[in-house]
N, C-alpha and C. Protein backbone atom coordinates (compact mmCIF):
# COMPACT_ATOMS: atom_id res chain seq x y z
N MET A 1 18.31 -49.04 7.19
CA MET A 1 18.29 -50.22 6.36
C MET A 1 19.61 -50.39 5.62
N SER A 2 20.65 -49.77 6.07
CA SER A 2 21.92 -49.89 5.37
C SER A 2 22.37 -51.34 5.39
N GLY A 3 22.85 -51.80 4.23
CA GLY A 3 23.31 -53.16 4.11
C GLY A 3 22.20 -54.15 3.78
N GLN A 4 20.96 -53.77 3.99
CA GLN A 4 19.84 -54.64 3.66
C GLN A 4 19.25 -54.24 2.33
N GLN A 5 18.73 -55.23 1.62
CA GLN A 5 18.07 -54.96 0.36
C GLN A 5 16.69 -54.37 0.60
N LYS A 6 16.31 -53.42 -0.22
CA LYS A 6 14.98 -52.81 -0.09
C LYS A 6 13.91 -53.82 -0.49
N PRO A 7 12.77 -53.77 0.19
CA PRO A 7 11.68 -54.69 -0.19
C PRO A 7 11.15 -54.36 -1.59
N LYS A 8 10.68 -55.38 -2.28
CA LYS A 8 10.11 -55.22 -3.62
C LYS A 8 8.75 -54.55 -3.51
N LEU A 9 8.49 -53.58 -4.38
CA LEU A 9 7.20 -52.87 -4.40
C LEU A 9 6.27 -53.55 -5.40
N VAL A 10 5.09 -53.95 -4.92
CA VAL A 10 4.07 -54.58 -5.76
C VAL A 10 2.78 -53.77 -5.63
N VAL A 11 2.25 -53.34 -6.76
CA VAL A 11 0.97 -52.61 -6.77
C VAL A 11 -0.08 -53.55 -7.34
N THR A 12 -1.12 -53.82 -6.56
CA THR A 12 -2.14 -54.79 -6.98
C THR A 12 -3.09 -54.21 -8.02
N GLN A 13 -3.70 -55.13 -8.78
CA GLN A 13 -4.72 -54.72 -9.75
C GLN A 13 -5.91 -54.09 -9.04
N ASN A 14 -6.24 -54.58 -7.86
CA ASN A 14 -7.34 -54.01 -7.09
C ASN A 14 -7.08 -52.53 -6.80
N PHE A 15 -5.86 -52.22 -6.36
CA PHE A 15 -5.51 -50.81 -6.09
C PHE A 15 -5.67 -49.98 -7.36
N LEU A 16 -5.14 -50.48 -8.48
CA LEU A 16 -5.20 -49.72 -9.73
C LEU A 16 -6.64 -49.45 -10.16
N LYS A 17 -7.52 -50.44 -9.99
CA LYS A 17 -8.94 -50.26 -10.34
C LYS A 17 -9.58 -49.22 -9.42
N GLU A 18 -9.29 -49.31 -8.12
CA GLU A 18 -9.86 -48.35 -7.18
C GLU A 18 -9.35 -46.93 -7.46
N LEU A 19 -8.06 -46.81 -7.76
CA LEU A 19 -7.51 -45.49 -8.07
C LEU A 19 -8.18 -44.91 -9.32
N GLU A 20 -8.39 -45.74 -10.32
CA GLU A 20 -9.06 -45.29 -11.54
C GLU A 20 -10.47 -44.78 -11.22
N THR A 21 -11.18 -45.48 -10.36
CA THR A 21 -12.53 -45.07 -9.96
C THR A 21 -12.49 -43.71 -9.24
N VAL A 22 -11.52 -43.54 -8.35
CA VAL A 22 -11.36 -42.27 -7.63
C VAL A 22 -11.08 -41.14 -8.62
N ILE A 23 -10.20 -41.39 -9.57
CA ILE A 23 -9.82 -40.36 -10.55
C ILE A 23 -11.02 -40.00 -11.43
N ILE A 24 -11.74 -40.98 -11.91
CA ILE A 24 -12.91 -40.71 -12.76
C ILE A 24 -13.94 -39.87 -12.01
N TYR A 25 -14.21 -40.25 -10.78
CA TYR A 25 -15.14 -39.46 -9.97
C TYR A 25 -14.60 -38.04 -9.78
N GLY A 26 -13.34 -37.93 -9.44
CA GLY A 26 -12.73 -36.62 -9.20
C GLY A 26 -12.75 -35.73 -10.42
N GLN A 27 -12.58 -36.30 -11.61
CA GLN A 27 -12.60 -35.50 -12.83
C GLN A 27 -13.97 -34.85 -13.03
N THR A 28 -15.03 -35.57 -12.69
CA THR A 28 -16.36 -35.00 -12.87
C THR A 28 -16.66 -33.92 -11.84
N VAL A 29 -16.05 -34.01 -10.66
CA VAL A 29 -16.33 -33.06 -9.59
C VAL A 29 -15.32 -31.91 -9.56
N PHE A 30 -14.03 -32.25 -9.70
CA PHE A 30 -12.96 -31.26 -9.51
C PHE A 30 -12.21 -30.86 -10.78
N GLY A 31 -12.32 -31.64 -11.83
CA GLY A 31 -11.64 -31.34 -13.08
C GLY A 31 -10.34 -32.11 -13.25
N ASP A 32 -9.84 -32.08 -14.48
CA ASP A 32 -8.66 -32.86 -14.86
C ASP A 32 -7.38 -32.43 -14.14
N LYS A 33 -7.14 -31.12 -14.01
CA LYS A 33 -5.89 -30.65 -13.39
C LYS A 33 -5.77 -31.10 -11.94
N VAL A 34 -6.84 -30.95 -11.19
CA VAL A 34 -6.84 -31.35 -9.78
C VAL A 34 -6.61 -32.85 -9.67
N CYS A 35 -7.27 -33.62 -10.53
CA CYS A 35 -7.14 -35.08 -10.48
C CYS A 35 -5.74 -35.53 -10.86
N GLU A 36 -5.14 -34.88 -11.83
CA GLU A 36 -3.79 -35.25 -12.22
C GLU A 36 -2.80 -34.95 -11.09
N LYS A 37 -2.99 -33.84 -10.41
CA LYS A 37 -2.14 -33.51 -9.25
C LYS A 37 -2.33 -34.56 -8.15
N PHE A 38 -3.57 -34.95 -7.91
CA PHE A 38 -3.87 -35.98 -6.91
C PHE A 38 -3.19 -37.30 -7.29
N ARG A 39 -3.36 -37.73 -8.53
CA ARG A 39 -2.78 -39.00 -9.00
C ARG A 39 -1.26 -38.99 -8.84
N LYS A 40 -0.63 -37.90 -9.26
CA LYS A 40 0.83 -37.79 -9.14
C LYS A 40 1.27 -37.83 -7.67
N GLY A 41 0.50 -37.19 -6.80
CA GLY A 41 0.83 -37.20 -5.37
C GLY A 41 0.75 -38.59 -4.77
N VAL A 42 -0.30 -39.34 -5.13
CA VAL A 42 -0.46 -40.71 -4.63
C VAL A 42 0.69 -41.58 -5.14
N ILE A 43 0.97 -41.49 -6.43
CA ILE A 43 2.04 -42.31 -7.03
C ILE A 43 3.40 -41.98 -6.41
N ALA A 44 3.67 -40.71 -6.19
CA ALA A 44 4.96 -40.31 -5.58
C ALA A 44 5.12 -40.92 -4.20
N ARG A 45 4.07 -40.93 -3.41
CA ARG A 45 4.15 -41.52 -2.06
C ARG A 45 4.34 -43.03 -2.12
N ILE A 46 3.70 -43.66 -3.09
CA ILE A 46 3.87 -45.11 -3.25
C ILE A 46 5.30 -45.43 -3.69
N LEU A 47 5.82 -44.68 -4.63
CA LEU A 47 7.18 -44.93 -5.12
C LEU A 47 8.24 -44.70 -4.05
N ALA A 48 7.92 -43.91 -3.03
CA ALA A 48 8.86 -43.66 -1.93
C ALA A 48 8.86 -44.78 -0.89
N LEU A 49 7.88 -45.67 -0.94
CA LEU A 49 7.74 -46.71 0.08
C LEU A 49 8.97 -47.61 0.25
N PRO A 50 9.62 -48.08 -0.82
CA PRO A 50 10.77 -48.97 -0.60
C PRO A 50 11.88 -48.36 0.26
N SER A 51 12.02 -47.05 0.23
CA SER A 51 13.05 -46.39 1.04
C SER A 51 12.63 -46.26 2.50
N MET A 52 11.33 -46.15 2.73
CA MET A 52 10.83 -45.94 4.10
C MET A 52 9.50 -46.68 4.30
N PRO A 53 9.48 -48.01 4.23
CA PRO A 53 8.22 -48.73 4.31
C PRO A 53 7.50 -48.62 5.66
N HIS A 54 8.24 -48.28 6.71
CA HIS A 54 7.64 -48.23 8.04
C HIS A 54 7.34 -46.79 8.50
N ALA A 55 7.43 -45.84 7.58
CA ALA A 55 7.26 -44.43 7.93
C ALA A 55 5.80 -44.06 8.21
N ASN A 56 4.88 -44.82 7.65
CA ASN A 56 3.46 -44.51 7.81
C ASN A 56 2.86 -45.31 8.96
N PRO A 57 1.76 -44.82 9.53
CA PRO A 57 1.17 -45.51 10.70
C PRO A 57 0.59 -46.88 10.36
N ILE A 58 0.62 -47.75 11.36
CA ILE A 58 -0.02 -49.05 11.23
C ILE A 58 -1.53 -48.81 11.16
N ASN A 59 -2.19 -49.53 10.25
CA ASN A 59 -3.63 -49.39 10.12
C ASN A 59 -4.30 -50.12 11.29
N ARG A 60 -5.06 -49.41 12.06
CA ARG A 60 -5.65 -49.99 13.27
C ARG A 60 -6.89 -50.83 12.98
N PHE A 61 -7.39 -50.80 11.75
CA PHE A 61 -8.59 -51.55 11.41
C PHE A 61 -8.30 -52.85 10.66
N VAL A 62 -7.15 -52.93 10.00
CA VAL A 62 -6.76 -54.13 9.27
C VAL A 62 -5.79 -54.89 10.16
N GLU A 63 -6.12 -56.13 10.48
CA GLU A 63 -5.34 -56.89 11.45
C GLU A 63 -3.99 -57.33 10.89
N SER A 64 -2.92 -56.86 11.51
CA SER A 64 -1.57 -57.25 11.13
C SER A 64 -1.20 -58.57 11.81
N THR A 65 -0.16 -59.20 11.30
CA THR A 65 0.38 -60.42 11.90
C THR A 65 1.84 -60.18 12.23
N GLU A 66 2.48 -61.18 12.77
CA GLU A 66 3.90 -61.05 13.10
C GLU A 66 4.75 -60.85 11.83
N ARG A 67 4.32 -61.47 10.74
CA ARG A 67 5.09 -61.42 9.49
C ARG A 67 4.63 -60.33 8.53
N LYS A 68 3.39 -59.88 8.66
CA LYS A 68 2.83 -58.90 7.72
C LYS A 68 2.14 -57.79 8.49
N VAL A 69 2.60 -56.56 8.25
CA VAL A 69 2.04 -55.39 8.92
C VAL A 69 1.32 -54.54 7.88
N TYR A 70 0.10 -54.14 8.21
CA TYR A 70 -0.68 -53.28 7.32
C TYR A 70 -0.51 -51.83 7.77
N ARG A 71 -0.14 -50.99 6.83
CA ARG A 71 0.10 -49.58 7.10
C ARG A 71 -0.75 -48.72 6.17
N THR A 72 -0.81 -47.43 6.49
CA THR A 72 -1.67 -46.52 5.74
C THR A 72 -0.95 -45.23 5.41
N ILE A 73 -0.97 -44.90 4.12
CA ILE A 73 -0.56 -43.56 3.68
C ILE A 73 -1.83 -42.71 3.75
N ILE A 74 -1.75 -41.60 4.44
CA ILE A 74 -2.89 -40.69 4.50
C ILE A 74 -2.59 -39.56 3.52
N TYR A 75 -3.41 -39.49 2.47
CA TYR A 75 -3.20 -38.47 1.44
C TYR A 75 -4.53 -37.80 1.13
N GLU A 76 -4.55 -36.50 1.37
CA GLU A 76 -5.77 -35.72 1.23
C GLU A 76 -6.88 -36.41 2.00
N LYS A 77 -7.96 -36.81 1.35
CA LYS A 77 -9.07 -37.44 2.08
C LYS A 77 -9.11 -38.95 1.85
N TYR A 78 -7.96 -39.53 1.52
CA TYR A 78 -7.91 -40.96 1.20
C TYR A 78 -6.86 -41.69 2.02
N TYR A 79 -7.10 -42.98 2.19
CA TYR A 79 -6.13 -43.90 2.78
C TYR A 79 -5.62 -44.81 1.67
N VAL A 80 -4.32 -44.93 1.55
CA VAL A 80 -3.71 -45.93 0.69
C VAL A 80 -3.21 -47.01 1.64
N ILE A 81 -3.77 -48.19 1.54
CA ILE A 81 -3.44 -49.27 2.46
C ILE A 81 -2.46 -50.22 1.78
N TYR A 82 -1.40 -50.54 2.52
CA TYR A 82 -0.38 -51.45 1.98
C TYR A 82 0.12 -52.36 3.09
N SER A 83 0.67 -53.50 2.67
CA SER A 83 1.23 -54.44 3.64
C SER A 83 2.74 -54.46 3.47
N VAL A 84 3.43 -54.76 4.57
CA VAL A 84 4.89 -54.81 4.56
C VAL A 84 5.34 -56.14 5.17
N THR A 85 6.17 -56.86 4.42
CA THR A 85 6.87 -58.02 4.95
C THR A 85 8.36 -57.73 4.79
N LYS A 86 9.21 -58.66 5.16
CA LYS A 86 10.66 -58.44 5.03
C LYS A 86 11.08 -58.24 3.59
N THR A 87 10.38 -58.86 2.65
CA THR A 87 10.80 -58.82 1.25
C THR A 87 9.88 -58.05 0.31
N LYS A 88 8.67 -57.70 0.78
CA LYS A 88 7.70 -57.13 -0.15
C LYS A 88 6.84 -56.04 0.49
N ILE A 89 6.57 -55.02 -0.31
CA ILE A 89 5.57 -54.00 0.02
C ILE A 89 4.47 -54.18 -1.01
N ARG A 90 3.26 -54.41 -0.55
CA ARG A 90 2.14 -54.69 -1.45
C ARG A 90 1.07 -53.63 -1.25
N VAL A 91 0.89 -52.78 -2.27
CA VAL A 91 -0.12 -51.72 -2.23
C VAL A 91 -1.46 -52.36 -2.58
N ILE A 92 -2.40 -52.30 -1.63
CA ILE A 92 -3.62 -53.10 -1.72
C ILE A 92 -4.85 -52.30 -2.12
N SER A 93 -5.03 -51.12 -1.54
CA SER A 93 -6.31 -50.44 -1.69
C SER A 93 -6.17 -48.94 -1.49
N ILE A 94 -7.09 -48.20 -2.09
CA ILE A 94 -7.25 -46.77 -1.80
C ILE A 94 -8.72 -46.55 -1.49
N VAL A 95 -8.98 -45.98 -0.32
CA VAL A 95 -10.36 -45.76 0.12
C VAL A 95 -10.49 -44.37 0.73
N HIS A 96 -11.69 -43.84 0.63
CA HIS A 96 -11.97 -42.53 1.23
C HIS A 96 -11.93 -42.67 2.75
N GLN A 97 -11.51 -41.62 3.42
CA GLN A 97 -11.42 -41.65 4.88
C GLN A 97 -12.76 -41.88 5.56
N ALA A 98 -13.85 -41.62 4.87
CA ALA A 98 -15.18 -41.83 5.45
C ALA A 98 -15.63 -43.29 5.39
N THR A 99 -14.80 -44.15 4.81
CA THR A 99 -15.13 -45.58 4.73
C THR A 99 -15.26 -46.16 6.14
N SER A 100 -16.24 -46.99 6.33
CA SER A 100 -16.49 -47.54 7.67
C SER A 100 -15.35 -48.47 8.10
N PRO A 101 -15.03 -48.46 9.40
CA PRO A 101 -14.01 -49.36 9.93
C PRO A 101 -14.32 -50.84 9.62
N LYS A 102 -15.60 -51.19 9.61
CA LYS A 102 -15.98 -52.57 9.32
C LYS A 102 -15.54 -52.96 7.91
N LYS A 103 -15.72 -52.07 6.94
CA LYS A 103 -15.29 -52.34 5.56
C LYS A 103 -13.76 -52.38 5.49
N LEU A 104 -13.10 -51.49 6.21
CA LEU A 104 -11.64 -51.46 6.21
C LEU A 104 -11.07 -52.77 6.77
N SER A 105 -11.72 -53.32 7.77
CA SER A 105 -11.21 -54.53 8.40
C SER A 105 -11.21 -55.73 7.46
N LYS A 106 -11.95 -55.65 6.36
CA LYS A 106 -12.02 -56.76 5.40
C LYS A 106 -10.96 -56.67 4.32
N ILE A 107 -10.17 -55.61 4.31
CA ILE A 107 -9.12 -55.46 3.31
C ILE A 107 -7.98 -56.40 3.63
N LYS A 108 -7.54 -57.14 2.65
CA LYS A 108 -6.39 -58.05 2.81
C LYS A 108 -5.64 -58.18 1.53
């Protein structure tokens, strides 16, 4: 990407709400330390996206278009789903890997 401007990173409110739900659940099951490590790991991978937006696999359940490609960060037992266009990376959702493909296909 030398010479090109990095795409703008946008984190949606939907993603933030879902992440909060995952963390709250995790705190009750695994404790605060484990959840804080998980949260930091997810955030670090998201913050790295502008440098390498195409490094993660295309999500096979969310239909991409010519202009917008949906990709997935696989972290522990979760998928972080984001879209990539020429100018923007939009972090959309975090879901457990056991989520049904039918539900994943509705993410936009």
